[in-house]
Amino acid sequence: MRLDKFLKVSRIIKRRTVANEACDGGRVLVNGKPAKASLAVKEGDVIEVQFGNRSVKAEVLKVQESAKKEAAEEMYRYI
């Protein structure tokens, strides 16, 4: 699954366009490296998103095409 879509489906970022802009701006790191929105996310990857002056680190546990709000929290784990 594409990185921008995963960020939206997992609800780490609310809109896919915002996720896309964050990736283009270099504010999203996957396994410590800046990532483009088209990067394929897989289980075990560590995603770090920088929101202003704070950053959020999460490990990908599950990749699914769509998820309800309750199931979205099971797709990742905060580190």
N, C-alpha and C. Protein backbone atom coordinates (compact mmCIF):
# COMPACT_ATOMS: atom_id res chain seq x y z
N MET A 1 0.85 -1.18 0.00
CA MET A 1 0.00 0.00 0.00
C MET A 1 0.90 1.24 0.00
N ARG A 2 0.46 2.26 -0.72
CA ARG A 2 1.20 3.52 -0.75
C ARG A 2 1.24 4.17 0.64
N LEU A 3 2.31 4.89 0.91
CA LEU A 3 2.49 5.54 2.21
C LEU A 3 1.39 6.55 2.49
N ASP A 4 1.05 7.39 1.52
CA ASP A 4 0.02 8.42 1.76
C ASP A 4 -1.33 7.78 2.05
N LYS A 5 -1.65 6.69 1.38
CA LYS A 5 -2.92 6.00 1.63
C LYS A 5 -2.92 5.34 3.01
N PHE A 6 -1.77 4.74 3.41
CA PHE A 6 -1.69 4.12 4.73
C PHE A 6 -1.89 5.16 5.83
N LEU A 7 -1.27 6.32 5.69
CA LEU A 7 -1.42 7.38 6.70
C LEU A 7 -2.87 7.81 6.84
N LYS A 8 -3.60 7.84 5.73
CA LYS A 8 -5.01 8.22 5.77
C LYS A 8 -5.88 7.11 6.35
N VAL A 9 -5.71 5.88 5.86
CA VAL A 9 -6.54 4.76 6.30
C VAL A 9 -6.33 4.48 7.80
N SER A 10 -5.08 4.60 8.26
CA SER A 10 -4.79 4.35 9.67
C SER A 10 -5.16 5.54 10.55
N ARG A 11 -5.53 6.64 9.92
CA ARG A 11 -5.94 7.87 10.60
C ARG A 11 -4.81 8.54 11.39
N ILE A 12 -3.57 8.31 10.99
CA ILE A 12 -2.45 9.07 11.57
C ILE A 12 -2.54 10.50 11.05
N ILE A 13 -2.87 10.65 9.75
CA ILE A 13 -3.16 11.95 9.13
C ILE A 13 -4.56 11.84 8.54
N LYS A 14 -5.39 12.87 8.72
CA LYS A 14 -6.81 12.75 8.37
C LYS A 14 -7.11 12.75 6.88
N ARG A 15 -6.33 13.49 6.09
CA ARG A 15 -6.63 13.57 4.65
C ARG A 15 -5.44 13.10 3.83
N ARG A 16 -5.73 12.45 2.72
CA ARG A 16 -4.67 11.91 1.87
C ARG A 16 -3.86 13.04 1.23
N THR A 17 -4.51 14.14 0.88
CA THR A 17 -3.77 15.26 0.29
C THR A 17 -2.79 15.86 1.28
N VAL A 18 -3.18 15.93 2.55
CA VAL A 18 -2.28 16.43 3.60
C VAL A 18 -1.12 15.46 3.79
N ALA A 19 -1.40 14.16 3.75
CA ALA A 19 -0.35 13.15 3.86
C ALA A 19 0.62 13.27 2.69
N ASN A 20 0.08 13.51 1.50
CA ASN A 20 0.90 13.67 0.30
C ASN A 20 1.82 14.89 0.44
N GLU A 21 1.27 16.00 0.92
CA GLU A 21 2.07 17.22 1.11
C GLU A 21 3.14 17.03 2.17
N ALA A 22 2.83 16.30 3.24
CA ALA A 22 3.82 16.03 4.29
C ALA A 22 4.98 15.21 3.73
N CYS A 23 4.66 14.23 2.90
CA CYS A 23 5.71 13.41 2.28
C CYS A 23 6.57 14.25 1.35
N ASP A 24 5.95 15.08 0.53
CA ASP A 24 6.68 15.93 -0.40
C ASP A 24 7.55 16.95 0.34
N GLY A 25 7.11 17.37 1.51
CA GLY A 25 7.86 18.35 2.30
C GLY A 25 8.97 17.74 3.13
N GLY A 26 9.14 16.42 3.06
CA GLY A 26 10.21 15.76 3.81
C GLY A 26 9.93 15.60 5.28
N ARG A 27 8.65 15.68 5.68
CA ARG A 27 8.29 15.56 7.09
C ARG A 27 7.91 14.15 7.50
N VAL A 28 8.00 13.19 6.56
CA VAL A 28 7.68 11.79 6.87
C VAL A 28 8.91 10.94 6.61
N LEU A 29 9.32 10.20 7.63
CA LEU A 29 10.46 9.30 7.52
C LEU A 29 9.97 7.86 7.67
N VAL A 30 10.50 6.96 6.85
CA VAL A 30 10.20 5.54 6.98
C VAL A 30 11.54 4.84 7.22
N ASN A 31 11.66 4.17 8.34
CA ASN A 31 12.89 3.51 8.74
C ASN A 31 14.08 4.47 8.73
N GLY A 32 13.82 5.72 9.17
CA GLY A 32 14.88 6.70 9.31
C GLY A 32 15.25 7.45 8.05
N LYS A 33 14.58 7.20 6.93
CA LYS A 33 14.91 7.86 5.67
C LYS A 33 13.69 8.64 5.16
N PRO A 34 13.92 9.83 4.58
CA PRO A 34 12.79 10.57 4.00
C PRO A 34 12.09 9.73 2.94
N ALA A 35 10.76 9.76 2.93
CA ALA A 35 10.00 8.88 2.04
C ALA A 35 9.06 9.68 1.16
N LYS A 36 8.89 9.21 -0.07
CA LYS A 36 7.91 9.78 -0.98
C LYS A 36 6.55 9.15 -0.70
N ALA A 37 5.50 9.80 -1.17
CA ALA A 37 4.14 9.33 -0.94
C ALA A 37 3.89 7.99 -1.61
N SER A 38 4.64 7.67 -2.66
CA SER A 38 4.41 6.43 -3.40
C SER A 38 5.14 5.22 -2.83
N LEU A 39 5.90 5.40 -1.76
CA LEU A 39 6.63 4.29 -1.16
C LEU A 39 5.68 3.20 -0.68
N ALA A 40 6.03 1.95 -0.94
CA ALA A 40 5.18 0.83 -0.51
C ALA A 40 5.46 0.53 0.96
N VAL A 41 4.43 0.60 1.79
CA VAL A 41 4.54 0.34 3.22
C VAL A 41 4.28 -1.14 3.46
N LYS A 42 5.08 -1.74 4.36
CA LYS A 42 4.87 -3.14 4.71
C LYS A 42 4.94 -3.28 6.22
N GLU A 43 4.48 -4.42 6.71
CA GLU A 43 4.47 -4.66 8.15
C GLU A 43 5.90 -4.63 8.68
N GLY A 44 6.07 -4.01 9.85
CA GLY A 44 7.38 -3.90 10.47
C GLY A 44 8.08 -2.58 10.21
N ASP A 45 7.61 -1.80 9.23
CA ASP A 45 8.20 -0.49 8.96
C ASP A 45 7.93 0.46 10.13
N VAL A 46 8.87 1.38 10.38
CA VAL A 46 8.69 2.41 11.40
C VAL A 46 8.52 3.74 10.68
N ILE A 47 7.36 4.37 10.92
CA ILE A 47 7.03 5.64 10.28
C ILE A 47 7.14 6.75 11.32
N GLU A 48 7.83 7.83 10.95
CA GLU A 48 7.94 8.99 11.83
C GLU A 48 7.39 10.19 11.08
N VAL A 49 6.39 10.85 11.67
CA VAL A 49 5.77 12.03 11.06
C VAL A 49 6.05 13.23 11.96
N GLN A 50 6.54 14.31 11.36
CA GLN A 50 6.85 15.52 12.13
C GLN A 50 5.72 16.52 11.96
N PHE A 51 5.04 16.82 13.08
CA PHE A 51 3.95 17.80 13.12
C PHE A 51 4.48 19.04 13.82
N GLY A 52 4.88 20.04 13.08
CA GLY A 52 5.39 21.27 13.70
C GLY A 52 6.61 20.98 14.55
N ASN A 53 6.49 21.18 15.87
CA ASN A 53 7.65 20.97 16.74
C ASN A 53 7.63 19.62 17.46
N ARG A 54 6.67 18.76 17.17
CA ARG A 54 6.66 17.42 17.78
C ARG A 54 6.62 16.37 16.68
N SER A 55 7.06 15.18 17.02
CA SER A 55 7.02 14.11 16.03
C SER A 55 6.36 12.87 16.63
N VAL A 56 5.76 12.08 15.75
CA VAL A 56 5.05 10.86 16.14
C VAL A 56 5.74 9.69 15.45
N LYS A 57 6.08 8.66 16.24
CA LYS A 57 6.70 7.47 15.70
C LYS A 57 5.75 6.30 15.87
N ALA A 58 5.55 5.53 14.80
CA ALA A 58 4.63 4.40 14.86
C ALA A 58 5.19 3.24 14.05
N GLU A 59 4.95 2.04 14.54
CA GLU A 59 5.36 0.83 13.83
C GLU A 59 4.13 0.24 13.14
N VAL A 60 4.29 -0.14 11.88
CA VAL A 60 3.19 -0.71 11.10
C VAL A 60 2.99 -2.15 11.54
N LEU A 61 1.77 -2.47 12.01
CA LEU A 61 1.44 -3.83 12.44
C LEU A 61 0.65 -4.58 11.38
N LYS A 62 -0.23 -3.86 10.68
CA LYS A 62 -1.12 -4.49 9.72
C LYS A 62 -1.38 -3.52 8.58
N VAL A 63 -1.46 -4.04 7.36
CA VAL A 63 -1.77 -3.22 6.19
C VAL A 63 -3.09 -3.72 5.61
N GLN A 64 -4.10 -2.84 5.56
CA GLN A 64 -5.39 -3.19 4.96
C GLN A 64 -5.90 -2.01 4.16
N GLU A 65 -6.66 -2.30 3.11
CA GLU A 65 -7.11 -1.27 2.18
C GLU A 65 -8.10 -0.28 2.79
N SER A 66 -8.92 -0.73 3.73
CA SER A 66 -9.86 0.16 4.39
C SER A 66 -10.07 -0.33 5.81
N ALA A 67 -10.44 0.59 6.69
CA ALA A 67 -10.64 0.22 8.09
C ALA A 67 -11.61 1.19 8.74
N LYS A 68 -12.43 0.67 9.62
CA LYS A 68 -13.30 1.53 10.43
C LYS A 68 -12.45 2.17 11.52
N LYS A 69 -13.02 3.12 12.21
CA LYS A 69 -12.27 3.88 13.22
C LYS A 69 -11.64 2.97 14.28
N GLU A 70 -12.40 2.00 14.77
CA GLU A 70 -11.90 1.11 15.82
C GLU A 70 -10.78 0.21 15.29
N ALA A 71 -10.92 -0.26 14.05
CA ALA A 71 -9.93 -1.16 13.46
C ALA A 71 -8.68 -0.42 13.02
N ALA A 72 -8.79 0.88 12.77
CA ALA A 72 -7.64 1.66 12.32
C ALA A 72 -6.56 1.71 13.39
N GLU A 73 -6.94 1.70 14.65
CA GLU A 73 -5.97 1.75 15.74
C GLU A 73 -5.16 0.47 15.84
N GLU A 74 -5.63 -0.62 15.25
CA GLU A 74 -4.90 -1.88 15.29
C GLU A 74 -3.88 -1.99 14.17
N MET A 75 -3.85 -1.01 13.26
CA MET A 75 -2.93 -1.06 12.12
C MET A 75 -1.51 -0.62 12.49
N TYR A 76 -1.37 0.09 13.60
CA TYR A 76 -0.05 0.59 14.00
C TYR A 76 0.05 0.63 15.52
N ARG A 77 1.30 0.82 15.99
CA ARG A 77 1.57 0.91 17.42
C ARG A 77 2.53 2.06 17.63
N TYR A 78 2.18 2.98 18.54
CA TYR A 78 3.08 4.11 18.84
C TYR A 78 4.32 3.62 19.56
N ILE A 79 5.45 4.22 19.21
CA ILE A 79 6.73 3.86 19.84
C ILE A 79 7.15 5.02 20.73
